[in-house]
């Protein structure tokens, strides 16, 4: 068994596609506006964005627990900040040895950005 995909819930599919494709740089695999779903290539796992039904609106705007690995966090921070991406936590060294930041999408979903080194990966 392995993780195949992870979904993040959003209110506006087109805004989400613009964020994850145009700002984060993930390759859009497919989009189905009529079904409220889009999928992106994200390494060995697909990242989906989905509009939840009205009975699950509480799934939008949460800390996702999703971590995106970057090769150079400082360079990625400068690039994303220049594109207007909101950082809920700037790049910082963690007590456990990691180097990470946190960003949010247009719906307030929070994701990690991690610079994973050989010593900590």
PDB file of N, CA and C in Angstrom:
ATOM      1  N   UNK A   1       0.842  -1.177   0.000  1.00  0.00           N
ATOM      2  CA  UNK A   1       0.000   0.000   0.000  1.00  0.00           C
ATOM      3  C   UNK A   1       0.886   1.239   0.000  1.00  0.00           C
ATOM      4  N   UNK A   2       0.463   2.273  -0.717  1.00  0.00           N
ATOM      5  CA  UNK A   2       1.197   3.532  -0.745  1.00  0.00           C
ATOM      6  C   UNK A   2       0.218   4.680  -0.932  1.00  0.00           C
ATOM      7  N   UNK A   3       0.629   5.865  -0.542  1.00  0.00           N
ATOM      8  CA  UNK A   3      -0.213   7.047  -0.728  1.00  0.00           C
ATOM      9  C   UNK A   3      -0.215   7.379  -2.214  1.00  0.00           C
ATOM     10  N   UNK A   4      -1.396   7.554  -2.767  1.00  0.00           N
ATOM     11  CA  UNK A   4      -1.564   7.853  -4.186  1.00  0.00           C
ATOM     12  C   UNK A   4      -1.901   9.318  -4.412  1.00  0.00           C
ATOM     13  N   UNK A   5      -2.788   9.874  -3.568  1.00  0.00           N
ATOM     14  CA  UNK A   5      -3.182  11.273  -3.706  1.00  0.00           C
ATOM     15  C   UNK A   5      -3.600  11.839  -2.363  1.00  0.00           C
ATOM     16  N   UNK A   6      -3.566  13.165  -2.298  1.00  0.00           N
ATOM     17  CA  UNK A   6      -4.005  13.926  -1.130  1.00  0.00           C
ATOM     18  C   UNK A   6      -4.899  15.030  -1.665  1.00  0.00           C
ATOM     19  N   UNK A   7      -6.041  15.269  -1.032  1.00  0.00           N
ATOM     20  CA  UNK A   7      -6.953  16.325  -1.461  1.00  0.00           C
ATOM     21  C   UNK A   7      -6.948  17.488  -0.479  1.00  0.00           C
ATOM     22  N   UNK A   8      -7.004  18.691  -1.045  1.00  0.00           N
ATOM     23  CA  UNK A   8      -7.162  19.920  -0.281  1.00  0.00           C
ATOM     24  C   UNK A   8      -8.478  20.531  -0.745  1.00  0.00           C
ATOM     25  N   UNK A   9      -9.299  20.953   0.196  1.00  0.00           N
ATOM     26  CA  UNK A   9     -10.639  21.447  -0.140  1.00  0.00           C
ATOM     27  C   UNK A   9     -10.641  22.957  -0.296  1.00  0.00           C
ATOM     28  N   UNK A  10     -11.297  23.424  -1.360  1.00  0.00           N
ATOM     29  CA  UNK A  10     -11.280  24.835  -1.749  1.00  0.00           C
ATOM     30  C   UNK A  10     -12.688  25.295  -2.111  1.00  0.00           C
ATOM     31  N   UNK A  11     -12.892  26.615  -2.115  1.00  0.00           N
ATOM     32  CA  UNK A  11     -14.200  27.141  -2.510  1.00  0.00           C
ATOM     33  C   UNK A  11     -14.253  27.508  -3.984  1.00  0.00           C
ATOM     34  N   UNK A  12     -13.116  27.918  -4.550  1.00  0.00           N
ATOM     35  CA  UNK A  12     -13.074  28.386  -5.929  1.00  0.00           C
ATOM     36  C   UNK A  12     -12.026  27.583  -6.692  1.00  0.00           C
ATOM     37  N   UNK A  13     -12.485  26.675  -7.540  1.00  0.00           N
ATOM     38  CA  UNK A  13     -11.584  25.773  -8.249  1.00  0.00           C
ATOM     39  C   UNK A  13     -10.616  26.530  -9.152  1.00  0.00           C
ATOM     40  N   UNK A  14     -11.087  27.536  -9.871  1.00  0.00           N
ATOM     41  CA  UNK A  14     -10.209  28.279 -10.786  1.00  0.00           C
ATOM     42  C   UNK A  14      -9.115  29.030 -10.027  1.00  0.00           C
ATOM     43  N   UNK A  15      -9.456  29.646  -8.894  1.00  0.00           N
ATOM     44  CA  UNK A  15      -8.439  30.316  -8.082  1.00  0.00           C
ATOM     45  C   UNK A  15      -7.427  29.307  -7.553  1.00  0.00           C
ATOM     46  N   UNK A  16      -7.912  28.146  -7.152  1.00  0.00           N
ATOM     47  CA  UNK A  16      -7.018  27.105  -6.639  1.00  0.00           C
ATOM     48  C   UNK A  16      -6.076  26.621  -7.734  1.00  0.00           C
ATOM     49  N   UNK A  17      -6.614  26.418  -8.935  1.00  0.00           N
ATOM     50  CA  UNK A  17      -5.757  25.983 -10.044  1.00  0.00           C
ATOM     51  C   UNK A  17      -4.688  27.035 -10.313  1.00  0.00           C
ATOM     52  N   UNK A  18      -5.071  28.297 -10.332  1.00  0.00           N
ATOM     53  CA  UNK A  18      -4.102  29.368 -10.567  1.00  0.00           C
ATOM     54  C   UNK A  18      -3.018  29.369  -9.494  1.00  0.00           C
ATOM     55  N   UNK A  19      -3.390  29.146  -8.238  1.00  0.00           N
ATOM     56  CA  UNK A  19      -2.405  29.136  -7.151  1.00  0.00           C
ATOM     57  C   UNK A  19      -1.451  27.955  -7.279  1.00  0.00           C
ATOM     58  N   UNK A  20      -1.992  26.750  -7.354  1.00  0.00           N
ATOM     59  CA  UNK A  20      -1.148  25.556  -7.328  1.00  0.00           C
ATOM     60  C   UNK A  20      -0.355  25.370  -8.618  1.00  0.00           C
ATOM     61  N   UNK A  21      -0.908  25.781  -9.748  1.00  0.00           N
ATOM     62  CA  UNK A  21      -0.200  25.658 -11.030  1.00  0.00           C
ATOM     63  C   UNK A  21       0.719  26.850 -11.267  1.00  0.00           C
ATOM     64  N   UNK A  22       0.163  28.056 -11.194  1.00  0.00           N
ATOM     65  CA  UNK A  22       0.906  29.241 -11.623  1.00  0.00           C
ATOM     66  C   UNK A  22       1.855  29.792 -10.567  1.00  0.00           C
ATOM     67  N   UNK A  23       1.533  29.630  -9.304  1.00  0.00           N
ATOM     68  CA  UNK A  23       2.419  30.141  -8.256  1.00  0.00           C
ATOM     69  C   UNK A  23       3.335  29.055  -7.713  1.00  0.00           C
ATOM     70  N   UNK A  24       2.763  27.903  -7.332  1.00  0.00           N
ATOM     71  CA  UNK A  24       3.616  26.840  -6.796  1.00  0.00           C
ATOM     72  C   UNK A  24       4.355  26.087  -7.886  1.00  0.00           C
ATOM     73  N   UNK A  25       3.831  26.116  -9.109  1.00  0.00           N
ATOM     74  CA  UNK A  25       4.520  25.465 -10.222  1.00  0.00           C
ATOM     75  C   UNK A  25       4.228  23.993 -10.391  1.00  0.00           C
ATOM     76  N   UNK A  26       3.141  23.499  -9.776  1.00  0.00           N
ATOM     77  CA  UNK A  26       2.778  22.096  -9.950  1.00  0.00           C
ATOM     78  C   UNK A  26       2.100  21.902 -11.303  1.00  0.00           C
ATOM     79  N   UNK A  27       2.407  20.791 -11.963  1.00  0.00           N
ATOM     80  CA  UNK A  27       1.841  20.509 -13.283  1.00  0.00           C
ATOM     81  C   UNK A  27       0.396  20.033 -13.137  1.00  0.00           C
ATOM     82  N   UNK A  28      -0.532  20.739 -13.802  1.00  0.00           N
ATOM     83  CA  UNK A  28      -1.943  20.350 -13.788  1.00  0.00           C
ATOM     84  C   UNK A  28      -2.109  19.099 -14.633  1.00  0.00           C
ATOM     85  N   UNK A  29      -2.638  18.027 -14.028  1.00  0.00           N
ATOM     86  CA  UNK A  29      -2.874  16.787 -14.759  1.00  0.00           C
ATOM     87  C   UNK A  29      -4.234  16.802 -15.424  1.00  0.00           C
ATOM     88  N   UNK A  30      -5.250  17.207 -14.674  1.00  0.00           N
ATOM     89  CA  UNK A  30      -6.584  17.359 -15.260  1.00  0.00           C
ATOM     90  C   UNK A  30      -7.444  18.239 -14.360  1.00  0.00           C
ATOM     91  N   UNK A  31      -8.476  18.784 -14.969  1.00  0.00           N
ATOM     92  CA  UNK A  31      -9.418  19.628 -14.257  1.00  0.00           C
ATOM     93  C   UNK A  31     -10.821  19.270 -14.718  1.00  0.00           C
ATOM     94  N   UNK A  32     -11.733  19.166 -13.773  1.00  0.00           N
ATOM     95  CA  UNK A  32     -13.119  18.859 -14.074  1.00  0.00           C
ATOM     96  C   UNK A  32     -14.002  19.850 -13.315  1.00  0.00           C
ATOM     97  N   UNK A  33     -14.198  21.062 -13.874  1.00  0.00           N
ATOM     98  CA  UNK A  33     -14.998  22.069 -13.176  1.00  0.00           C
ATOM     99  C   UNK A  33     -16.403  21.586 -12.831  1.00  0.00           C
ATOM    100  N   UNK A  34     -17.006  20.794 -13.698  1.00  0.00           N
ATOM    101  CA  UNK A  34     -18.359  20.304 -13.421  1.00  0.00           C
ATOM    102  C   UNK A  34     -18.407  19.379 -12.208  1.00  0.00           C
ATOM    103  N   UNK A  35     -17.273  18.763 -11.879  1.00  0.00           N
ATOM    104  CA  UNK A  35     -17.201  17.903 -10.693  1.00  0.00           C
ATOM    105  C   UNK A  35     -16.457  18.578  -9.540  1.00  0.00           C
ATOM    106  N   UNK A  36     -15.969  19.804  -9.781  1.00  0.00           N
ATOM    107  CA  UNK A  36     -15.293  20.544  -8.720  1.00  0.00           C
ATOM    108  C   UNK A  36     -13.987  19.925  -8.290  1.00  0.00           C
ATOM    109  N   UNK A  37     -13.193  19.444  -9.262  1.00  0.00           N
ATOM    110  CA  UNK A  37     -11.961  18.739  -8.900  1.00  0.00           C
ATOM    111  C   UNK A  37     -10.867  19.002  -9.929  1.00  0.00           C
ATOM    112  N   UNK A  38      -9.639  19.122  -9.441  1.00  0.00           N
ATOM    113  CA  UNK A  38      -8.461  19.214 -10.298  1.00  0.00           C
ATOM    114  C   UNK A  38      -7.338  18.437  -9.624  1.00  0.00           C
ATOM    115  N   UNK A  39      -6.429  17.920 -10.442  1.00  0.00           N
ATOM    116  CA  UNK A  39      -5.330  17.121  -9.927  1.00  0.00           C
ATOM    117  C   UNK A  39      -4.006  17.623 -10.494  1.00  0.00           C
ATOM    118  N   UNK A  40      -2.988  17.627  -9.635  1.00  0.00           N
ATOM    119  CA  UNK A  40      -1.655  18.100  -9.995  1.00  0.00           C
ATOM    120  C   UNK A  40      -0.625  17.010  -9.728  1.00  0.00           C
ATOM    121  N   UNK A  41       0.405  16.960 -10.571  1.00  0.00           N
ATOM    122  CA  UNK A  41       1.547  16.091 -10.322  1.00  0.00           C
ATOM    123  C   UNK A  41       2.370  16.737  -9.213  1.00  0.00           C
ATOM    124  N   UNK A  42       2.670  15.970  -8.187  1.00  0.00           N
ATOM    125  CA  UNK A  42       3.429  16.497  -7.042  1.00  0.00           C
ATOM    126  C   UNK A  42       4.424  15.439  -6.577  1.00  0.00           C
ATOM    127  N   UNK A  43       5.361  15.111  -7.442  1.00  0.00           N
ATOM    128  CA  UNK A  43       6.304  14.048  -7.108  1.00  0.00           C
ATOM    129  C   UNK A  43       5.622  12.705  -7.270  1.00  0.00           C
ATOM    130  N   UNK A  44       5.790  11.825  -6.305  1.00  0.00           N
ATOM    131  CA  UNK A  44       5.195  10.496  -6.367  1.00  0.00           C
ATOM    132  C   UNK A  44       3.743  10.454  -5.924  1.00  0.00           C
ATOM    133  N   UNK A  45       3.195  11.578  -5.530  1.00  0.00           N
ATOM    134  CA  UNK A  45       1.821  11.666  -5.045  1.00  0.00           C
ATOM    135  C   UNK A  45       1.088  12.726  -5.859  1.00  0.00           C
ATOM    136  N   UNK A  46      -0.175  12.486  -6.155  1.00  0.00           N
ATOM    137  CA  UNK A  46      -0.986  13.520  -6.809  1.00  0.00           C
ATOM    138  C   UNK A  46      -1.599  14.409  -5.726  1.00  0.00           C
ATOM    139  N   UNK A  47      -1.671  15.701  -6.021  1.00  0.00           N
ATOM    140  CA  UNK A  47      -2.316  16.649  -5.122  1.00  0.00           C
ATOM    141  C   UNK A  47      -3.602  17.093  -5.785  1.00  0.00           C
ATOM    142  N   UNK A  48      -4.722  16.817  -5.137  1.00  0.00           N
ATOM    143  CA  UNK A  48      -6.010  17.213  -5.671  1.00  0.00           C
ATOM    144  C   UNK A  48      -6.554  18.420  -4.942  1.00  0.00           C
ATOM    145  N   UNK A  49      -7.306  19.252  -5.662  1.00  0.00           N
ATOM    146  CA  UNK A  49      -8.085  20.315  -5.035  1.00  0.00           C
ATOM    147  C   UNK A  49      -9.536  20.042  -5.372  1.00  0.00           C
ATOM    148  N   UNK A  50     -10.382  20.157  -4.362  1.00  0.00           N
ATOM    149  CA  UNK A  50     -11.775  19.757  -4.542  1.00  0.00           C
ATOM    150  C   UNK A  50     -12.713  20.720  -3.824  1.00  0.00           C
ATOM    151  N   UNK A  51     -13.842  20.985  -4.466  1.00  0.00           N
ATOM    152  CA  UNK A  51     -14.906  21.751  -3.805  1.00  0.00           C
ATOM    153  C   UNK A  51     -15.730  20.748  -3.004  1.00  0.00           C
ATOM    154  N   UNK A  52     -15.821  20.952  -1.689  1.00  0.00           N
ATOM    155  CA  UNK A  52     -16.630  20.042  -0.888  1.00  0.00           C
ATOM    156  C   UNK A  52     -18.115  20.353  -1.053  1.00  0.00           C
ATOM    157  N   UNK A  53     -18.946  19.408  -0.728  1.00  0.00           N
ATOM    158  CA  UNK A  53     -20.378  19.659  -0.711  1.00  0.00           C
ATOM    159  C   UNK A  53     -20.712  20.633   0.406  1.00  0.00           C
ATOM    160  N   UNK A  54     -21.914  21.213   0.356  1.00  0.00           N
ATOM    161  CA  UNK A  54     -22.337  22.199   1.360  1.00  0.00           C
ATOM    162  C   UNK A  54     -22.279  21.631   2.775  1.00  0.00           C
ATOM    163  N   UNK A  55     -22.446  20.334   2.913  1.00  0.00           N
ATOM    164  CA  UNK A  55     -22.434  19.718   4.242  1.00  0.00           C
ATOM    165  C   UNK A  55     -21.014  19.482   4.766  1.00  0.00           C
ATOM    166  N   UNK A  56     -19.993  19.861   3.989  1.00  0.00           N
ATOM    167  CA  UNK A  56     -18.605  19.691   4.430  1.00  0.00           C
ATOM    168  C   UNK A  56     -17.781  20.962   4.250  1.00  0.00           C
ATOM    169  N   UNK A  57     -18.429  22.127   4.319  1.00  0.00           N
ATOM    170  CA  UNK A  57     -17.739  23.407   4.132  1.00  0.00           C
ATOM    171  C   UNK A  57     -16.637  23.620   5.167  1.00  0.00           C
ATOM    172  N   UNK A  58     -16.711  22.963   6.311  1.00  0.00           N
ATOM    173  CA  UNK A  58     -15.699  23.128   7.355  1.00  0.00           C
ATOM    174  C   UNK A  58     -14.342  22.557   6.947  1.00  0.00           C
ATOM    175  N   UNK A  59     -14.284  21.836   5.831  1.00  0.00           N
ATOM    176  CA  UNK A  59     -13.016  21.269   5.363  1.00  0.00           C
ATOM    177  C   UNK A  59     -12.135  22.298   4.662  1.00  0.00           C
ATOM    178  N   UNK A  60     -12.678  23.469   4.365  1.00  0.00           N
ATOM    179  CA  UNK A  60     -11.939  24.525   3.666  1.00  0.00           C
ATOM    180  C   UNK A  60     -11.280  25.448   4.686  1.00  0.00           C
ATOM    181  N   UNK A  61     -10.052  25.894   4.379  1.00  0.00           N
ATOM    182  CA  UNK A  61      -9.388  26.878   5.232  1.00  0.00           C
ATOM    183  C   UNK A  61      -8.782  26.288   6.487  1.00  0.00           C
ATOM    184  N   UNK A  62      -8.121  25.155   6.337  1.00  0.00           N
ATOM    185  CA  UNK A  62      -7.550  24.447   7.483  1.00  0.00           C
ATOM    186  C   UNK A  62      -6.054  24.248   7.315  1.00  0.00           C
ATOM    187  N   UNK A  63      -5.416  23.866   8.381  1.00  0.00           N
ATOM    188  CA  UNK A  63      -4.030  23.424   8.302  1.00  0.00           C
ATOM    189  C   UNK A  63      -4.091  22.030   7.680  1.00  0.00           C
ATOM    190  N   UNK A  64      -3.471  21.864   6.529  1.00  0.00           N
ATOM    191  CA  UNK A  64      -3.616  20.611   5.781  1.00  0.00           C
ATOM    192  C   UNK A  64      -2.690  19.510   6.264  1.00  0.00           C
ATOM    193  N   UNK A  65      -1.557  19.876   6.843  1.00  0.00           N
ATOM    194  CA  UNK A  65      -0.555  18.875   7.184  1.00  0.00           C
ATOM    195  C   UNK A  65       0.250  18.424   5.973  1.00  0.00           C
ATOM    196  N   UNK A  66      -0.004  19.028   4.808  1.00  0.00           N
ATOM    197  CA  UNK A  66       0.699  18.660   3.577  1.00  0.00           C
ATOM    198  C   UNK A  66       2.024  19.410   3.533  1.00  0.00           C
ATOM    199  N   UNK A  67       3.094  18.671   3.306  1.00  0.00           N
ATOM    200  CA  UNK A  67       4.423  19.263   3.199  1.00  0.00           C
ATOM    201  C   UNK A  67       4.953  19.154   1.785  1.00  0.00           C
ATOM    202  N   UNK A  68       5.442  20.262   1.261  1.00  0.00           N
ATOM    203  CA  UNK A  68       6.048  20.296  -0.064  1.00  0.00           C
ATOM    204  C   UNK A  68       7.548  20.487   0.102  1.00  0.00           C
ATOM    205  N   UNK A  69       8.323  19.599  -0.503  1.00  0.00           N
ATOM    206  CA  UNK A  69       9.774  19.671  -0.403  1.00  0.00           C
ATOM    207  C   UNK A  69      10.322  20.610  -1.471  1.00  0.00           C
ATOM    208  N   UNK A  70      11.235  21.483  -1.068  1.00  0.00           N
ATOM    209  CA  UNK A  70      11.915  22.385  -1.993  1.00  0.00           C
ATOM    210  C   UNK A  70      13.415  22.220  -1.813  1.00  0.00           C
ATOM    211  N   UNK A  71      14.163  22.466  -2.888  1.00  0.00           N
ATOM    212  CA  UNK A  71      15.617  22.308  -2.826  1.00  0.00           C
ATOM    213  C   UNK A  71      16.278  23.452  -2.075  1.00  0.00           C
ATOM    214  N   UNK A  72      15.752  24.678  -2.242  1.00  0.00           N
ATOM    215  CA  UNK A  72      16.353  25.851  -1.622  1.00  0.00           C
ATOM    216  C   UNK A  72      15.222  26.719  -1.076  1.00  0.00           C
ATOM    217  N   UNK A  73      14.977  26.624   0.212  1.00  0.00           N
ATOM    218  CA  UNK A  73      13.845  27.314   0.826  1.00  0.00           C
ATOM    219  C   UNK A  73      13.975  28.837   0.740  1.00  0.00           C
ATOM    220  N   UNK A  74      15.154  29.364   0.915  1.00  0.00           N
ATOM    221  CA  UNK A  74      15.311  30.816   0.851  1.00  0.00           C
ATOM    222  C   UNK A  74      14.990  31.334  -0.552  1.00  0.00           C
ATOM    223  N   UNK A  75      15.454  30.641  -1.578  1.00  0.00           N
ATOM    224  CA  UNK A  75      15.159  31.045  -2.958  1.00  0.00           C
ATOM    225  C   UNK A  75      13.672  30.891  -3.257  1.00  0.00           C
ATOM    226  N   UNK A  76      13.077  29.824  -2.772  1.00  0.00           N
ATOM    227  CA  UNK A  76      11.642  29.590  -3.010  1.00  0.00           C
ATOM    228  C   UNK A  76      10.805  30.631  -2.261  1.00  0.00           C
ATOM    229  N   UNK A  77      11.230  30.990  -1.065  1.00  0.00           N
ATOM    230  CA  UNK A  77      10.549  32.042  -0.309  1.00  0.00           C
ATOM    231  C   UNK A  77      10.562  33.345  -1.091  1.00  0.00           C
ATOM    232  N   UNK A  78      11.721  33.723  -1.627  1.00  0.00           N
ATOM    233  CA  UNK A  78      11.825  34.968  -2.401  1.00  0.00           C
ATOM    234  C   UNK A  78      10.936  34.902  -3.639  1.00  0.00           C
ATOM    235  N   UNK A  79      10.940  33.771  -4.343  1.00  0.00           N
ATOM    236  CA  UNK A  79      10.128  33.623  -5.559  1.00  0.00           C
ATOM    237  C   UNK A  79       8.643  33.725  -5.240  1.00  0.00           C
ATOM    238  N   UNK A  80       8.195  32.950  -4.240  1.00  0.00           N
ATOM    239  CA  UNK A  80       6.768  32.926  -3.903  1.00  0.00           C
ATOM    240  C   UNK A  80       6.302  34.259  -3.309  1.00  0.00           C
ATOM    241  N   UNK A  81       7.114  34.865  -2.461  1.00  0.00           N
ATOM    242  CA  UNK A  81       6.748  36.166  -1.894  1.00  0.00           C
ATOM    243  C   UNK A  81       6.596  37.188  -3.020  1.00  0.00           C
ATOM    244  N   UNK A  82       7.455  37.102  -4.026  1.00  0.00           N
ATOM    245  CA  UNK A  82       7.358  37.990  -5.173  1.00  0.00           C
ATOM    246  C   UNK A  82       6.094  37.793  -5.981  1.00  0.00           C
ATOM    247  N   UNK A  83       5.509  36.595  -5.890  1.00  0.00           N
ATOM    248  CA  UNK A  83       4.243  36.295  -6.572  1.00  0.00           C
ATOM    249  C   UNK A  83       3.032  36.590  -5.693  1.00  0.00           C
ATOM    250  N   UNK A  84       3.286  37.095  -4.488  1.00  0.00           N
ATOM    251  CA  UNK A  84       2.192  37.446  -3.590  1.00  0.00           C
ATOM    252  C   UNK A  84       1.681  36.316  -2.717  1.00  0.00           C
ATOM    253  N   UNK A  85       2.421  35.215  -2.636  1.00  0.00           N
ATOM    254  CA  UNK A  85       2.000  34.104  -1.769  1.00  0.00           C
ATOM    255  C   UNK A  85       2.150  34.539  -0.313  1.00  0.00           C
ATOM    256  N   UNK A  86       1.117  34.262   0.486  1.00  0.00           N
ATOM    257  CA  UNK A  86       1.115  34.626   1.905  1.00  0.00           C
ATOM    258  C   UNK A  86       1.845  33.565   2.720  1.00  0.00           C
ATOM    259  N   UNK A  87       2.832  33.990   3.482  1.00  0.00           N
ATOM    260  CA  UNK A  87       3.564  33.095   4.379  1.00  0.00           C
ATOM    261  C   UNK A  87       3.000  33.251   5.779  1.00  0.00           C
ATOM    262  N   UNK A  88       2.475  32.176   6.343  1.00  0.00           N
ATOM    263  CA  UNK A  88       1.992  32.217   7.719  1.00  0.00           C
ATOM    264  C   UNK A  88       3.142  32.031   8.694  1.00  0.00           C
ATOM    265  N   UNK A  89       4.276  31.514   8.194  1.00  0.00           N
ATOM    266  CA  UNK A  89       5.513  31.408   8.965  1.00  0.00           C
ATOM    267  C   UNK A  89       6.664  31.544   7.986  1.00  0.00           C
ATOM    268  N   UNK A  90       7.543  32.514   8.195  1.00  0.00           N
ATOM    269  CA  UNK A  90       8.676  32.667   7.279  1.00  0.00           C
ATOM    270  C   UNK A  90       9.650  31.506   7.452  1.00  0.00           C
ATOM    271  N   UNK A  91      10.583  31.345   6.525  1.00  0.00           N
ATOM    272  CA  UNK A  91      11.589  30.295   6.676  1.00  0.00           C
ATOM    273  C   UNK A  91      12.284  30.406   8.024  1.00  0.00           C
ATOM    274  N   UNK A  92      12.341  29.291   8.724  1.00  0.00           N
ATOM    275  CA  UNK A  92      12.989  29.297  10.034  1.00  0.00           C
ATOM    276  C   UNK A  92      13.548  27.916  10.349  1.00  0.00           C
ATOM    277  N   UNK A  93      14.633  27.930  11.078  1.00  0.00           N
ATOM    278  CA  UNK A  93      15.261  26.683  11.526  1.00  0.00           C
ATOM    279  C   UNK A  93      14.461  26.186  12.732  1.00  0.00           C
ATOM    280  N   UNK A  94      14.178  24.903  12.722  1.00  0.00           N
ATOM    281  CA  UNK A  94      13.372  24.301  13.771  1.00  0.00           C
ATOM    282  C   UNK A  94      14.258  23.637  14.826  1.00  0.00           C
ATOM    283  N   UNK A  95      13.788  23.551  16.067  1.00  0.00           N
ATOM    284  CA  UNK A  95      14.581  22.935  17.140  1.00  0.00           C
ATOM    285  C   UNK A  95      14.985  21.491  16.819  1.00  0.00           C
ATOM    286  N   UNK A  96      14.191  20.812  16.010  1.00  0.00           N
ATOM    287  CA  UNK A  96      14.485  19.418  15.675  1.00  0.00           C
ATOM    288  C   UNK A  96      15.448  19.312  14.493  1.00  0.00           C
ATOM    289  N   UNK A  97      15.902  20.475  13.957  1.00  0.00           N
ATOM    290  CA  UNK A  97      16.916  20.461  12.913  1.00  0.00           C
ATOM    291  C   UNK A  97      16.422  20.789  11.522  1.00  0.00           C
ATOM    292  N   UNK A  98      15.121  20.872  11.335  1.00  0.00           N
ATOM    293  CA  UNK A  98      14.579  21.162  10.013  1.00  0.00           C
ATOM    294  C   UNK A  98      14.634  22.638   9.666  1.00  0.00           C
ATOM    295  N   UNK A  99      14.419  22.921   8.391  1.00  0.00           N
ATOM    296  CA  UNK A  99      14.351  24.289   7.886  1.00  0.00           C
ATOM    297  C   UNK A  99      13.058  24.376   7.098  1.00  0.00           C
ATOM    298  N   UNK A 100      12.085  25.150   7.596  1.00  0.00           N
ATOM    299  CA  UNK A 100      10.763  25.137   6.993  1.00  0.00           C
ATOM    300  C   UNK A 100      10.075  26.489   7.063  1.00  0.00           C
ATOM    301  N   UNK A 101       9.001  26.592   6.273  1.00  0.00           N
ATOM    302  CA  UNK A 101       8.119  27.752   6.263  1.00  0.00           C
ATOM    303  C   UNK A 101       6.703  27.224   6.096  1.00  0.00           C
ATOM    304  N   UNK A 102       5.718  28.098   6.262  1.00  0.00           N
ATOM    305  CA  UNK A 102       4.332  27.717   6.001  1.00  0.00           C
ATOM    306  C   UNK A 102       3.686  28.786   5.136  1.00  0.00           C
ATOM    307  N   UNK A 103       2.877  28.332   4.179  1.00  0.00           N
ATOM    308  CA  UNK A 103       2.162  29.229   3.271  1.00  0.00           C
ATOM    309  C   UNK A 103       0.676  28.911   3.334  1.00  0.00           C
ATOM    310  N   UNK A 104      -0.127  29.856   2.823  1.00  0.00           N
ATOM    311  CA  UNK A 104      -1.558  29.570   2.715  1.00  0.00           C
ATOM    312  C   UNK A 104      -2.025  29.902   1.310  1.00  0.00           C
ATOM    313  N   UNK A 105      -3.023  29.138   0.862  1.00  0.00           N
ATOM    314  CA  UNK A 105      -3.612  29.387  -0.451  1.00  0.00           C
ATOM    315  C   UNK A 105      -4.735  30.422  -0.309  1.00  0.00           C
ATOM    316  N   UNK A 106      -5.475  30.674  -1.381  1.00  0.00           N
ATOM    317  CA  UNK A 106      -6.517  31.702  -1.382  1.00  0.00           C
ATOM    318  C   UNK A 106      -7.634  31.411  -0.379  1.00  0.00           C
ATOM    319  N   UNK A 107      -7.827  30.144  -0.013  1.00  0.00           N
ATOM    320  CA  UNK A 107      -8.862  29.765   0.949  1.00  0.00           C
ATOM    321  C   UNK A 107      -8.347  29.666   2.369  1.00  0.00           C
ATOM    322  N   UNK A 108      -7.055  29.960   2.586  1.00  0.00           N
ATOM    323  CA  UNK A 108      -6.493  29.868   3.930  1.00  0.00           C
ATOM    324  C   UNK A 108      -6.035  28.478   4.309  1.00  0.00           C
ATOM    325  N   UNK A 109      -5.968  27.567   3.345  1.00  0.00           N
ATOM    326  CA  UNK A 109      -5.397  26.241   3.609  1.00  0.00           C
ATOM    327  C   UNK A 109      -3.894  26.401   3.784  1.00  0.00           C
ATOM    328  N   UNK A 110      -3.356  25.881   4.882  1.00  0.00           N
ATOM    329  CA  UNK A 110      -1.941  26.047   5.204  1.00  0.00           C
ATOM    330  C   UNK A 110      -1.164  24.802   4.805  1.00  0.00           C
ATOM    331  N   UNK A 111      -0.022  25.025   4.144  1.00  0.00           N
ATOM    332  CA  UNK A 111       0.878  23.951   3.725  1.00  0.00           C
ATOM    333  C   UNK A 111       2.286  24.258   4.227  1.00  0.00           C
ATOM    334  N   UNK A 112       3.069  23.214   4.448  1.00  0.00           N
ATOM    335  CA  UNK A 112       4.469  23.355   4.804  1.00  0.00           C
ATOM    336  C   UNK A 112       5.319  23.453   3.552  1.00  0.00           C
ATOM    337  N   UNK A 113       6.392  24.211   3.630  1.00  0.00           N
ATOM    338  CA  UNK A 113       7.481  24.156   2.665  1.00  0.00           C
ATOM    339  C   UNK A 113       8.687  23.733   3.454  1.00  0.00           C
ATOM    340  N   UNK A 114       9.310  22.642   3.047  1.00  0.00           N
ATOM    341  CA  UNK A 114      10.476  22.097   3.763  1.00  0.00           C
ATOM    342  C   UNK A 114      11.663  21.987   2.841  1.00  0.00           C
ATOM    343  N   UNK A 115      12.812  22.433   3.345  1.00  0.00           N
ATOM    344  CA  UNK A 115      14.062  22.152   2.653  1.00  0.00           C
ATOM    345  C   UNK A 115      14.612  20.920   3.326  1.00  0.00           C
ATOM    346  N   UNK A 116      14.569  19.806   2.629  1.00  0.00           N
ATOM    347  CA  UNK A 116      14.987  18.530   3.209  1.00  0.00           C
ATOM    348  C   UNK A 116      16.421  18.268   2.804  1.00  0.00           C
ATOM    349  N   UNK A 117      17.284  18.148   3.789  1.00  0.00           N
ATOM    350  CA  UNK A 117      18.692  17.850   3.520  1.00  0.00           C
ATOM    351  C   UNK A 117      18.926  16.360   3.727  1.00  0.00           C
ATOM    352  N   UNK A 118      20.054  15.890   3.275  1.00  0.00           N
ATOM    353  CA  UNK A 118      20.401  14.473   3.435  1.00  0.00           C
ATOM    354  C   UNK A 118      20.455  14.100   4.920  1.00  0.00           C
ATOM    355  N   UNK A 119      20.849  15.053   5.760  1.00  0.00           N
ATOM    356  CA  UNK A 119      20.936  14.777   7.192  1.00  0.00           C
ATOM    357  C   UNK A 119      19.584  14.642   7.852  1.00  0.00           C
ATOM    358  N   UNK A 120      18.538  15.260   7.265  1.00  0.00           N
ATOM    359  CA  UNK A 120      17.234  15.244   7.902  1.00  0.00           C
ATOM    360  C   UNK A 120      16.173  14.555   7.051  1.00  0.00           C
ATOM    361  N   UNK A 121      16.498  14.057   5.881  1.00  0.00           N
ATOM    362  CA  UNK A 121      15.508  13.447   5.004  1.00  0.00           C
ATOM    363  C   UNK A 121      15.392  12.018   5.266  1.00  0.00           C
TER     364      UNK A 121
END
